[in-house]
């Protein structure tokens, strides 16, 4: 909170320090026998959720300063992060990656309101890219998390960020059975 949101490098360092210190507490509690194994994964998942919220805030501020705010319905960012796999199932381990899906809901064909206007779809794609960059960049304290985006609609060949309507259509018309099964463990973890 003491760091300006527009100081990306300082924010990235602070996020890594926060993760390291809190994961150390969880590990110490586990090793001392004060925290049962079933609660370790809960705590590690909650740490990831807090970090995802802050990563989204930092990425949003960074892009908002460059391009302004996207045209969207209602208040809030109109952007949601869903966790699949171990994150979605509240089963993270110390070395787990994050299986994520990004979905946005904004005015179709709309654009940002800044001096350097860009299309809403471009803004939200860059938001997803920036979040991944913040988490995966190697710094002196290492990576924040490794991110796996292969569970998004159409996998690696699909868009990084999907519209709410596009996600709905994909699930109804094109998703494979295993993709429907993956939804059982999916849950909202950050954003709007």
N, C-alpha and C. Protein backbone atom coordinates (compact mmCIF):
# COMPACT_ATOMS: atom_id res chain seq x y z
N UNK A 1 0.82 -1.19 0.00
CA UNK A 1 0.00 0.00 0.00
C UNK A 1 0.87 1.27 0.00
N UNK A 2 2.08 1.18 0.53
CA UNK A 2 2.95 2.36 0.58
C UNK A 2 3.59 2.66 -0.77
N UNK A 3 3.60 1.68 -1.65
CA UNK A 3 4.24 1.86 -2.95
C UNK A 3 3.24 2.39 -3.97
N UNK A 4 3.68 3.31 -4.82
CA UNK A 4 2.78 3.78 -5.88
C UNK A 4 2.47 2.64 -6.86
N UNK A 5 1.23 2.55 -7.29
CA UNK A 5 0.84 1.49 -8.22
C UNK A 5 1.58 1.58 -9.55
N UNK A 6 2.04 2.78 -9.90
CA UNK A 6 2.72 2.92 -11.19
C UNK A 6 4.21 2.58 -11.14
N UNK A 7 4.74 2.23 -9.98
CA UNK A 7 6.13 1.78 -9.88
C UNK A 7 6.13 0.26 -10.00
N UNK A 8 6.12 -0.21 -11.25
CA UNK A 8 5.93 -1.64 -11.53
C UNK A 8 7.00 -2.51 -10.90
N UNK A 9 8.25 -2.12 -11.01
CA UNK A 9 9.34 -2.94 -10.46
C UNK A 9 9.25 -3.06 -8.94
N UNK A 10 8.97 -1.96 -8.27
CA UNK A 10 8.83 -1.99 -6.81
C UNK A 10 7.64 -2.85 -6.41
N UNK A 11 6.54 -2.74 -7.14
CA UNK A 11 5.37 -3.58 -6.85
C UNK A 11 5.71 -5.06 -7.04
N UNK A 12 6.43 -5.39 -8.10
CA UNK A 12 6.78 -6.78 -8.36
C UNK A 12 7.68 -7.33 -7.25
N UNK A 13 8.63 -6.52 -6.80
CA UNK A 13 9.50 -6.93 -5.69
C UNK A 13 8.67 -7.14 -4.41
N UNK A 14 7.76 -6.21 -4.14
CA UNK A 14 6.94 -6.30 -2.92
C UNK A 14 6.04 -7.53 -2.96
N UNK A 15 5.49 -7.84 -4.11
CA UNK A 15 4.64 -9.03 -4.25
C UNK A 15 5.44 -10.30 -3.95
N UNK A 16 6.66 -10.37 -4.46
CA UNK A 16 7.49 -11.55 -4.22
C UNK A 16 7.89 -11.66 -2.75
N UNK A 17 8.18 -10.53 -2.14
CA UNK A 17 8.53 -10.53 -0.72
C UNK A 17 7.33 -10.98 0.12
N UNK A 18 6.16 -10.46 -0.21
CA UNK A 18 4.93 -10.85 0.50
C UNK A 18 4.71 -12.35 0.39
N UNK A 19 4.84 -12.88 -0.82
CA UNK A 19 4.63 -14.32 -1.01
C UNK A 19 5.65 -15.12 -0.20
N UNK A 20 6.92 -14.75 -0.32
CA UNK A 20 7.97 -15.50 0.37
C UNK A 20 7.76 -15.50 1.88
N UNK A 21 7.43 -14.35 2.44
CA UNK A 21 7.27 -14.27 3.90
C UNK A 21 6.05 -15.07 4.37
N UNK A 22 4.96 -15.02 3.63
CA UNK A 22 3.77 -15.75 4.06
C UNK A 22 3.87 -17.25 3.81
N UNK A 23 4.52 -17.64 2.72
CA UNK A 23 4.74 -19.06 2.49
C UNK A 23 5.69 -19.63 3.54
N UNK A 24 6.68 -18.84 3.96
CA UNK A 24 7.58 -19.27 5.03
C UNK A 24 6.81 -19.51 6.32
N UNK A 25 5.87 -18.65 6.63
CA UNK A 25 5.04 -18.84 7.83
C UNK A 25 4.23 -20.14 7.74
N UNK A 26 3.67 -20.38 6.58
CA UNK A 26 2.90 -21.62 6.40
C UNK A 26 3.81 -22.83 6.56
N UNK A 27 4.98 -22.79 5.94
CA UNK A 27 5.92 -23.93 6.03
C UNK A 27 6.38 -24.14 7.47
N UNK A 28 6.68 -23.05 8.18
CA UNK A 28 7.10 -23.18 9.58
C UNK A 28 5.98 -23.75 10.44
N UNK A 29 4.77 -23.33 10.19
CA UNK A 29 3.62 -23.87 10.94
C UNK A 29 3.40 -25.34 10.64
N UNK A 30 3.61 -25.72 9.38
CA UNK A 30 3.46 -27.13 9.01
C UNK A 30 4.55 -27.98 9.67
N UNK A 31 5.79 -27.51 9.59
CA UNK A 31 6.90 -28.29 10.15
C UNK A 31 6.82 -28.41 11.66
N UNK A 32 6.28 -27.39 12.32
CA UNK A 32 6.17 -27.45 13.77
C UNK A 32 4.96 -28.25 14.24
N UNK A 33 4.13 -28.67 13.29
CA UNK A 33 2.96 -29.46 13.64
C UNK A 33 1.75 -28.64 14.03
N UNK A 34 1.81 -27.34 13.89
CA UNK A 34 0.69 -26.47 14.27
C UNK A 34 -0.36 -26.34 13.17
N UNK A 35 0.01 -26.73 11.95
CA UNK A 35 -0.90 -26.60 10.82
C UNK A 35 -1.03 -27.95 10.13
N UNK A 36 -2.21 -28.55 10.16
CA UNK A 36 -2.38 -29.85 9.49
C UNK A 36 -2.24 -29.71 7.98
N UNK A 37 -1.86 -30.80 7.34
CA UNK A 37 -1.62 -30.82 5.90
C UNK A 37 -2.81 -30.29 5.11
N UNK A 38 -4.01 -30.62 5.50
CA UNK A 38 -5.21 -30.16 4.78
C UNK A 38 -5.37 -28.64 4.84
N UNK A 39 -4.84 -28.01 5.86
CA UNK A 39 -4.94 -26.56 5.97
C UNK A 39 -3.79 -25.85 5.24
N UNK A 40 -2.69 -26.56 4.99
CA UNK A 40 -1.56 -25.98 4.27
C UNK A 40 -2.01 -25.53 2.88
N UNK A 41 -2.70 -26.41 2.17
CA UNK A 41 -3.15 -26.07 0.82
C UNK A 41 -4.15 -24.91 0.84
N UNK A 42 -4.99 -24.86 1.88
CA UNK A 42 -5.91 -23.73 2.01
C UNK A 42 -5.14 -22.42 2.11
N UNK A 43 -4.17 -22.39 3.00
CA UNK A 43 -3.39 -21.16 3.22
C UNK A 43 -2.62 -20.75 1.97
N UNK A 44 -2.00 -21.73 1.29
CA UNK A 44 -1.26 -21.42 0.07
C UNK A 44 -2.18 -20.89 -1.02
N UNK A 45 -3.40 -21.41 -1.08
CA UNK A 45 -4.37 -20.93 -2.06
C UNK A 45 -4.81 -19.51 -1.73
N UNK A 46 -5.05 -19.22 -0.46
CA UNK A 46 -5.46 -17.88 -0.07
C UNK A 46 -4.37 -16.86 -0.34
N UNK A 47 -3.11 -17.25 -0.15
CA UNK A 47 -1.99 -16.36 -0.47
C UNK A 47 -2.02 -16.04 -1.97
N UNK A 48 -2.23 -17.05 -2.79
CA UNK A 48 -2.29 -16.85 -4.24
C UNK A 48 -3.44 -15.92 -4.62
N UNK A 49 -4.58 -16.06 -3.98
CA UNK A 49 -5.73 -15.22 -4.29
C UNK A 49 -5.46 -13.75 -3.94
N UNK A 50 -4.84 -13.52 -2.79
CA UNK A 50 -4.49 -12.15 -2.40
C UNK A 50 -3.52 -11.56 -3.42
N UNK A 51 -2.54 -12.35 -3.82
CA UNK A 51 -1.56 -11.87 -4.79
C UNK A 51 -2.20 -11.61 -6.15
N UNK A 52 -3.11 -12.46 -6.58
CA UNK A 52 -3.80 -12.24 -7.86
C UNK A 52 -4.60 -10.93 -7.84
N UNK A 53 -5.27 -10.65 -6.73
CA UNK A 53 -6.00 -9.39 -6.60
C UNK A 53 -5.06 -8.20 -6.77
N UNK A 54 -3.90 -8.26 -6.13
CA UNK A 54 -2.95 -7.15 -6.21
C UNK A 54 -2.30 -7.08 -7.59
N UNK A 55 -2.00 -8.22 -8.19
CA UNK A 55 -1.43 -8.22 -9.54
C UNK A 55 -2.42 -7.56 -10.51
N UNK A 56 -3.69 -7.89 -10.37
CA UNK A 56 -4.71 -7.28 -11.22
C UNK A 56 -4.75 -5.76 -10.99
N UNK A 57 -4.69 -5.32 -9.75
CA UNK A 57 -4.73 -3.89 -9.45
C UNK A 57 -3.52 -3.17 -10.05
N UNK A 58 -2.35 -3.77 -9.96
CA UNK A 58 -1.13 -3.16 -10.49
C UNK A 58 -1.19 -3.10 -12.02
N UNK A 59 -1.60 -4.21 -12.64
CA UNK A 59 -1.70 -4.25 -14.10
C UNK A 59 -2.76 -3.27 -14.60
N UNK A 60 -3.89 -3.20 -13.90
CA UNK A 60 -4.96 -2.26 -14.29
C UNK A 60 -4.47 -0.83 -14.21
N UNK A 61 -3.79 -0.47 -13.13
CA UNK A 61 -3.27 0.89 -12.97
C UNK A 61 -2.27 1.23 -14.07
N UNK A 62 -1.41 0.28 -14.38
CA UNK A 62 -0.39 0.49 -15.40
C UNK A 62 -1.04 0.77 -16.76
N UNK A 63 -1.99 -0.06 -17.15
CA UNK A 63 -2.65 0.12 -18.44
C UNK A 63 -3.58 1.32 -18.43
N UNK A 64 -4.25 1.56 -17.30
CA UNK A 64 -5.14 2.71 -17.20
C UNK A 64 -4.39 4.02 -17.38
N UNK A 65 -3.17 4.09 -16.85
CA UNK A 65 -2.35 5.30 -17.02
C UNK A 65 -1.98 5.52 -18.47
N UNK A 66 -1.78 4.45 -19.22
CA UNK A 66 -1.38 4.56 -20.63
C UNK A 66 -2.56 4.84 -21.55
N UNK A 67 -3.67 4.11 -21.32
CA UNK A 67 -4.76 4.12 -22.30
C UNK A 67 -6.09 4.66 -21.77
N UNK A 68 -6.20 4.90 -20.49
CA UNK A 68 -7.48 5.29 -19.92
C UNK A 68 -8.30 4.06 -19.56
N UNK A 69 -9.56 4.28 -19.22
CA UNK A 69 -10.44 3.19 -18.79
C UNK A 69 -11.23 2.66 -19.98
N UNK A 70 -11.43 1.35 -20.06
CA UNK A 70 -12.24 0.80 -21.14
C UNK A 70 -13.72 1.12 -20.94
N UNK A 71 -14.45 1.21 -22.03
CA UNK A 71 -15.90 1.38 -21.95
C UNK A 71 -16.48 0.05 -21.51
N UNK A 72 -17.20 0.06 -20.38
CA UNK A 72 -17.72 -1.20 -19.85
C UNK A 72 -19.08 -0.98 -19.22
N UNK A 73 -19.74 -2.09 -18.96
CA UNK A 73 -21.06 -2.04 -18.35
C UNK A 73 -20.90 -1.93 -16.83
N UNK A 74 -21.57 -0.98 -16.22
CA UNK A 74 -21.54 -0.87 -14.77
C UNK A 74 -20.19 -0.41 -14.24
N UNK A 75 -19.98 -0.65 -12.94
CA UNK A 75 -18.72 -0.26 -12.31
C UNK A 75 -17.82 -1.49 -12.19
N UNK A 76 -16.63 -1.27 -11.72
CA UNK A 76 -15.67 -2.37 -11.60
C UNK A 76 -14.91 -2.56 -12.90
N UNK A 77 -13.91 -3.41 -12.86
CA UNK A 77 -13.07 -3.58 -14.04
C UNK A 77 -13.72 -4.36 -15.18
N UNK A 78 -14.79 -5.11 -14.90
CA UNK A 78 -15.38 -5.93 -15.96
C UNK A 78 -14.47 -7.06 -16.37
N UNK A 79 -13.61 -7.49 -15.46
CA UNK A 79 -12.60 -8.50 -15.75
C UNK A 79 -12.56 -9.49 -14.59
N UNK A 80 -12.62 -10.77 -14.90
CA UNK A 80 -12.61 -11.79 -13.86
C UNK A 80 -11.51 -12.82 -14.14
N UNK A 81 -10.89 -13.27 -13.07
CA UNK A 81 -9.88 -14.31 -13.15
C UNK A 81 -10.47 -15.55 -12.48
N UNK A 82 -10.48 -16.65 -13.22
CA UNK A 82 -10.97 -17.92 -12.69
C UNK A 82 -9.81 -18.87 -12.53
N UNK A 83 -9.77 -19.55 -11.41
CA UNK A 83 -8.74 -20.54 -11.14
C UNK A 83 -9.30 -21.92 -11.44
N UNK A 84 -8.52 -22.69 -12.14
CA UNK A 84 -8.84 -24.08 -12.44
C UNK A 84 -7.84 -24.96 -11.71
N UNK A 85 -7.99 -26.26 -11.81
CA UNK A 85 -7.02 -27.19 -11.25
C UNK A 85 -6.86 -27.04 -9.76
N UNK A 86 -5.60 -27.06 -9.31
CA UNK A 86 -5.32 -27.00 -7.87
C UNK A 86 -5.73 -25.67 -7.25
N UNK A 87 -5.59 -24.58 -7.99
CA UNK A 87 -6.03 -23.29 -7.48
C UNK A 87 -7.54 -23.28 -7.30
N UNK A 88 -8.25 -23.74 -8.29
CA UNK A 88 -9.71 -23.80 -8.21
C UNK A 88 -10.20 -24.75 -7.14
N UNK A 89 -9.46 -25.84 -6.93
CA UNK A 89 -9.84 -26.84 -5.94
C UNK A 89 -9.32 -26.56 -4.54
N UNK A 90 -8.70 -25.42 -4.35
CA UNK A 90 -8.10 -25.01 -3.06
C UNK A 90 -7.11 -26.09 -2.59
N UNK A 91 -6.23 -26.49 -3.50
CA UNK A 91 -5.27 -27.56 -3.22
C UNK A 91 -3.85 -27.19 -3.62
N UNK A 92 -3.51 -25.92 -3.59
CA UNK A 92 -2.16 -25.52 -4.01
C UNK A 92 -1.09 -26.11 -3.11
N UNK A 93 0.02 -26.47 -3.72
CA UNK A 93 1.21 -26.89 -2.99
C UNK A 93 2.26 -25.80 -3.10
N UNK A 94 3.40 -26.03 -2.48
CA UNK A 94 4.46 -25.01 -2.47
C UNK A 94 4.97 -24.66 -3.86
N UNK A 95 5.00 -25.61 -4.77
CA UNK A 95 5.53 -25.35 -6.11
C UNK A 95 4.48 -25.35 -7.19
N UNK A 96 3.22 -25.25 -6.83
CA UNK A 96 2.14 -25.32 -7.82
C UNK A 96 2.15 -24.12 -8.76
N UNK A 97 1.76 -24.39 -10.01
CA UNK A 97 1.52 -23.30 -10.93
C UNK A 97 0.06 -22.88 -10.80
N UNK A 98 -0.30 -21.82 -11.49
CA UNK A 98 -1.67 -21.33 -11.44
C UNK A 98 -2.33 -21.56 -12.80
N UNK A 99 -3.38 -22.36 -12.82
CA UNK A 99 -4.18 -22.57 -14.02
C UNK A 99 -5.25 -21.49 -14.03
N UNK A 100 -5.16 -20.57 -14.99
CA UNK A 100 -6.04 -19.41 -14.99
C UNK A 100 -6.82 -19.28 -16.29
N UNK A 101 -7.99 -18.68 -16.19
CA UNK A 101 -8.80 -18.29 -17.34
C UNK A 101 -9.24 -16.85 -17.08
N UNK A 102 -9.05 -15.98 -18.08
CA UNK A 102 -9.42 -14.58 -17.98
C UNK A 102 -10.68 -14.33 -18.81
N UNK A 103 -11.68 -13.68 -18.21
CA UNK A 103 -12.93 -13.36 -18.91
C UNK A 103 -13.25 -11.90 -18.66
N UNK A 104 -13.69 -11.22 -19.72
CA UNK A 104 -14.09 -9.81 -19.54
C UNK A 104 -15.48 -9.58 -20.10
N UNK A 105 -16.11 -8.54 -19.58
CA UNK A 105 -17.44 -8.14 -20.03
C UNK A 105 -17.42 -6.63 -20.21
N UNK A 106 -17.33 -6.20 -21.44
CA UNK A 106 -17.26 -4.77 -21.73
C UNK A 106 -18.07 -4.48 -22.99
N UNK A 107 -18.23 -3.21 -23.26
CA UNK A 107 -18.99 -2.78 -24.43
C UNK A 107 -18.31 -3.29 -25.70
N UNK A 108 -19.06 -4.04 -26.49
CA UNK A 108 -18.52 -4.58 -27.74
C UNK A 108 -18.21 -3.43 -28.70
N UNK A 109 -17.02 -3.43 -29.22
CA UNK A 109 -16.61 -2.37 -30.14
C UNK A 109 -16.23 -1.08 -29.44
N UNK A 110 -16.30 -1.05 -28.11
CA UNK A 110 -15.94 0.15 -27.35
C UNK A 110 -14.43 0.33 -27.30
N UNK A 111 -14.03 1.46 -26.77
CA UNK A 111 -12.61 1.77 -26.67
C UNK A 111 -12.34 2.46 -25.33
N UNK A 112 -11.08 2.57 -25.01
CA UNK A 112 -10.69 3.26 -23.78
C UNK A 112 -10.91 4.75 -23.94
N UNK A 113 -10.92 5.46 -22.81
CA UNK A 113 -11.21 6.90 -22.85
C UNK A 113 -9.97 7.77 -22.70
N UNK A 114 -8.79 7.18 -22.81
CA UNK A 114 -7.56 7.95 -22.64
C UNK A 114 -7.11 8.65 -23.89
N UNK A 115 -5.98 9.35 -23.75
CA UNK A 115 -5.41 10.06 -24.89
C UNK A 115 -4.97 9.07 -25.98
N UNK A 116 -4.43 7.95 -25.56
CA UNK A 116 -4.02 6.88 -26.49
C UNK A 116 -5.11 5.81 -26.47
N UNK A 117 -6.17 6.00 -27.19
CA UNK A 117 -7.32 5.10 -27.18
C UNK A 117 -6.98 3.78 -27.88
N UNK A 118 -7.45 2.69 -27.27
CA UNK A 118 -7.35 1.38 -27.90
C UNK A 118 -8.69 0.65 -27.71
N UNK A 119 -8.93 -0.32 -28.55
CA UNK A 119 -10.15 -1.11 -28.48
C UNK A 119 -10.23 -1.86 -27.15
N UNK A 120 -11.44 -2.05 -26.65
CA UNK A 120 -11.62 -2.78 -25.38
C UNK A 120 -10.95 -4.16 -25.42
N UNK A 121 -11.13 -4.88 -26.51
CA UNK A 121 -10.56 -6.23 -26.61
C UNK A 121 -9.03 -6.19 -26.48
N UNK A 122 -8.42 -5.19 -27.09
CA UNK A 122 -6.97 -5.03 -27.01
C UNK A 122 -6.56 -4.69 -25.57
N UNK A 123 -7.32 -3.80 -24.93
CA UNK A 123 -7.03 -3.43 -23.55
C UNK A 123 -7.04 -4.65 -22.65
N UNK A 124 -8.09 -5.46 -22.73
CA UNK A 124 -8.20 -6.61 -21.84
C UNK A 124 -7.17 -7.70 -22.18
N UNK A 125 -6.82 -7.82 -23.44
CA UNK A 125 -5.76 -8.77 -23.81
C UNK A 125 -4.44 -8.31 -23.20
N UNK A 126 -4.16 -7.04 -23.29
CA UNK A 126 -2.92 -6.50 -22.70
C UNK A 126 -2.95 -6.59 -21.18
N UNK A 127 -4.14 -6.48 -20.60
CA UNK A 127 -4.27 -6.65 -19.15
C UNK A 127 -3.87 -8.07 -18.75
N UNK A 128 -4.38 -9.06 -19.47
CA UNK A 128 -4.00 -10.46 -19.20
C UNK A 128 -2.52 -10.68 -19.40
N UNK A 129 -1.97 -10.14 -20.48
CA UNK A 129 -0.54 -10.27 -20.75
C UNK A 129 0.29 -9.63 -19.64
N UNK A 130 -0.15 -8.45 -19.18
CA UNK A 130 0.59 -7.75 -18.14
C UNK A 130 0.55 -8.54 -16.83
N UNK A 131 -0.60 -9.12 -16.51
CA UNK A 131 -0.70 -9.94 -15.30
C UNK A 131 0.27 -11.12 -15.37
N UNK A 132 0.30 -11.79 -16.50
CA UNK A 132 1.22 -12.92 -16.67
C UNK A 132 2.66 -12.46 -16.55
N UNK A 133 2.97 -11.32 -17.16
CA UNK A 133 4.33 -10.76 -17.08
C UNK A 133 4.73 -10.49 -15.62
N UNK A 134 3.83 -9.88 -14.87
CA UNK A 134 4.12 -9.55 -13.47
C UNK A 134 4.39 -10.82 -12.67
N UNK A 135 3.64 -11.87 -12.94
CA UNK A 135 3.80 -13.11 -12.16
C UNK A 135 4.99 -13.95 -12.60
N UNK A 136 5.29 -13.97 -13.90
CA UNK A 136 6.31 -14.90 -14.39
C UNK A 136 7.71 -14.30 -14.54
N UNK A 137 7.84 -13.00 -14.49
CA UNK A 137 9.16 -12.38 -14.66
C UNK A 137 10.10 -12.84 -13.55
N UNK A 138 11.30 -13.25 -13.95
CA UNK A 138 12.32 -13.66 -12.98
C UNK A 138 13.00 -12.41 -12.43
N UNK A 139 12.98 -12.29 -11.12
CA UNK A 139 13.59 -11.16 -10.42
C UNK A 139 14.52 -11.75 -9.36
N UNK A 140 15.24 -10.92 -8.60
CA UNK A 140 16.14 -11.47 -7.59
C UNK A 140 15.46 -12.45 -6.62
N UNK A 141 14.17 -12.25 -6.32
CA UNK A 141 13.46 -13.19 -5.44
C UNK A 141 12.72 -14.26 -6.24
N UNK A 142 13.02 -14.38 -7.53
CA UNK A 142 12.42 -15.42 -8.36
C UNK A 142 11.11 -15.00 -9.00
N UNK A 143 10.38 -16.00 -9.47
CA UNK A 143 9.07 -15.78 -10.06
C UNK A 143 8.02 -15.70 -8.97
N UNK A 144 6.95 -14.99 -9.23
CA UNK A 144 5.83 -14.99 -8.30
C UNK A 144 5.10 -16.33 -8.45
N UNK A 145 4.67 -16.64 -9.65
CA UNK A 145 4.06 -17.93 -9.98
C UNK A 145 4.32 -18.23 -11.44
N UNK A 146 4.30 -19.50 -11.77
CA UNK A 146 4.24 -19.91 -13.16
C UNK A 146 2.75 -19.98 -13.50
N UNK A 147 2.40 -19.47 -14.67
CA UNK A 147 1.00 -19.41 -15.07
C UNK A 147 0.75 -20.36 -16.22
N UNK A 148 -0.32 -21.12 -16.13
CA UNK A 148 -0.72 -22.05 -17.18
C UNK A 148 -2.07 -21.59 -17.72
N UNK A 149 -2.09 -21.22 -18.98
CA UNK A 149 -3.31 -20.72 -19.61
C UNK A 149 -3.91 -21.73 -20.59
N UNK A 150 -3.47 -22.97 -20.56
CA UNK A 150 -3.94 -23.95 -21.55
C UNK A 150 -5.39 -24.36 -21.36
N UNK A 151 -6.01 -24.05 -20.23
CA UNK A 151 -7.40 -24.45 -20.01
C UNK A 151 -8.39 -23.41 -20.51
N UNK A 152 -7.91 -22.32 -21.08
CA UNK A 152 -8.83 -21.32 -21.64
C UNK A 152 -9.53 -21.91 -22.87
N UNK A 153 -10.65 -21.31 -23.28
CA UNK A 153 -11.34 -21.83 -24.46
C UNK A 153 -10.42 -21.95 -25.66
N UNK A 154 -10.45 -23.09 -26.30
CA UNK A 154 -9.62 -23.45 -27.46
C UNK A 154 -8.15 -23.61 -27.10
N UNK A 155 -7.81 -23.69 -25.83
CA UNK A 155 -6.44 -23.97 -25.40
C UNK A 155 -5.44 -22.96 -25.90
N UNK A 156 -4.24 -23.45 -26.25
CA UNK A 156 -3.16 -22.57 -26.70
C UNK A 156 -3.50 -21.79 -27.97
N UNK A 157 -4.41 -22.32 -28.77
CA UNK A 157 -4.77 -21.63 -30.02
C UNK A 157 -5.87 -20.59 -29.81
N UNK A 158 -6.44 -20.54 -28.60
CA UNK A 158 -7.52 -19.60 -28.33
C UNK A 158 -7.01 -18.24 -27.88
N UNK A 159 -7.94 -17.32 -27.77
CA UNK A 159 -7.62 -15.98 -27.29
C UNK A 159 -7.18 -16.05 -25.83
N UNK A 160 -6.24 -15.20 -25.45
CA UNK A 160 -5.76 -15.16 -24.08
C UNK A 160 -6.87 -14.73 -23.12
N UNK A 161 -7.67 -13.77 -23.56
CA UNK A 161 -8.77 -13.23 -22.77
C UNK A 161 -10.05 -13.39 -23.59
N UNK A 162 -11.09 -13.91 -22.96
CA UNK A 162 -12.34 -14.22 -23.67
C UNK A 162 -13.46 -13.33 -23.14
N UNK A 163 -14.36 -12.94 -24.04
CA UNK A 163 -15.54 -12.21 -23.58
C UNK A 163 -16.44 -13.17 -22.82
N UNK A 164 -17.29 -12.61 -21.98
CA UNK A 164 -18.25 -13.44 -21.24
C UNK A 164 -19.14 -14.20 -22.20
N UNK A 165 -19.64 -13.52 -23.23
CA UNK A 165 -20.49 -14.18 -24.22
C UNK A 165 -19.72 -15.23 -24.99
N UNK A 166 -18.48 -14.96 -25.35
CA UNK A 166 -17.66 -15.93 -26.06
C UNK A 166 -17.41 -17.18 -25.23
N UNK A 167 -17.16 -16.99 -23.93
CA UNK A 167 -16.95 -18.13 -23.04
C UNK A 167 -18.22 -18.97 -22.95
N UNK A 168 -19.36 -18.29 -22.79
CA UNK A 168 -20.65 -18.98 -22.70
C UNK A 168 -20.90 -19.79 -23.98
N UNK A 169 -20.70 -19.18 -25.14
CA UNK A 169 -20.92 -19.86 -26.42
C UNK A 169 -19.98 -21.05 -26.58
N UNK A 170 -18.72 -20.86 -26.22
CA UNK A 170 -17.76 -21.94 -26.34
C UNK A 170 -18.17 -23.14 -25.50
N UNK A 171 -18.58 -22.89 -24.26
CA UNK A 171 -18.98 -23.98 -23.37
C UNK A 171 -20.21 -24.71 -23.91
N UNK A 172 -21.13 -23.99 -24.50
CA UNK A 172 -22.36 -24.61 -25.01
C UNK A 172 -22.14 -25.35 -26.33
N UNK A 173 -21.28 -24.82 -27.19
CA UNK A 173 -21.20 -25.32 -28.56
C UNK A 173 -19.93 -26.09 -28.91
N UNK A 174 -18.81 -25.78 -28.29
CA UNK A 174 -17.53 -26.32 -28.77
C UNK A 174 -16.70 -27.07 -27.76
N UNK A 175 -16.99 -26.92 -26.48
CA UNK A 175 -16.12 -27.49 -25.44
C UNK A 175 -16.18 -29.02 -25.46
N UNK A 176 -15.05 -29.62 -25.19
CA UNK A 176 -14.96 -31.07 -25.06
C UNK A 176 -15.47 -31.47 -23.68
N UNK A 177 -15.74 -32.75 -23.51
CA UNK A 177 -16.24 -33.25 -22.24
C UNK A 177 -15.28 -32.93 -21.10
N UNK A 178 -13.98 -33.12 -21.33
CA UNK A 178 -13.01 -32.86 -20.26
C UNK A 178 -13.00 -31.38 -19.86
N UNK A 179 -13.35 -30.48 -20.81
CA UNK A 179 -13.41 -29.06 -20.47
C UNK A 179 -14.60 -28.77 -19.56
N UNK A 180 -15.69 -29.48 -19.79
CA UNK A 180 -16.83 -29.35 -18.88
C UNK A 180 -16.48 -29.91 -17.51
N UNK A 181 -15.74 -31.01 -17.49
CA UNK A 181 -15.32 -31.60 -16.22
C UNK A 181 -14.38 -30.66 -15.46
N UNK A 182 -13.54 -29.93 -16.19
CA UNK A 182 -12.61 -29.00 -15.54
C UNK A 182 -13.37 -27.86 -14.84
N UNK A 183 -14.57 -27.56 -15.32
CA UNK A 183 -15.37 -26.50 -14.68
C UNK A 183 -15.79 -26.87 -13.27
N UNK A 184 -15.82 -28.17 -12.97
CA UNK A 184 -16.22 -28.61 -11.63
C UNK A 184 -15.28 -28.03 -10.58
N UNK A 185 -14.00 -27.89 -10.92
CA UNK A 185 -13.02 -27.36 -9.97
C UNK A 185 -12.70 -25.89 -10.21
N UNK A 186 -13.36 -25.28 -11.17
CA UNK A 186 -13.11 -23.87 -11.46
C UNK A 186 -13.87 -22.99 -10.50
N UNK A 187 -13.25 -21.87 -10.15
CA UNK A 187 -13.94 -20.90 -9.29
C UNK A 187 -13.32 -19.53 -9.48
N UNK A 188 -14.11 -18.53 -9.19
CA UNK A 188 -13.67 -17.14 -9.27
C UNK A 188 -12.58 -16.90 -8.22
N UNK A 189 -11.48 -16.25 -8.62
CA UNK A 189 -10.40 -16.00 -7.67
C UNK A 189 -9.98 -14.53 -7.59
N UNK A 190 -10.29 -13.72 -8.59
CA UNK A 190 -9.91 -12.31 -8.53
C UNK A 190 -10.69 -11.51 -9.56
N UNK A 191 -10.80 -10.21 -9.30
CA UNK A 191 -11.42 -9.32 -10.27
C UNK A 191 -12.86 -9.00 -9.94
N UNK A 192 -13.64 -8.85 -11.01
CA UNK A 192 -15.02 -8.38 -10.92
C UNK A 192 -15.97 -9.58 -10.89
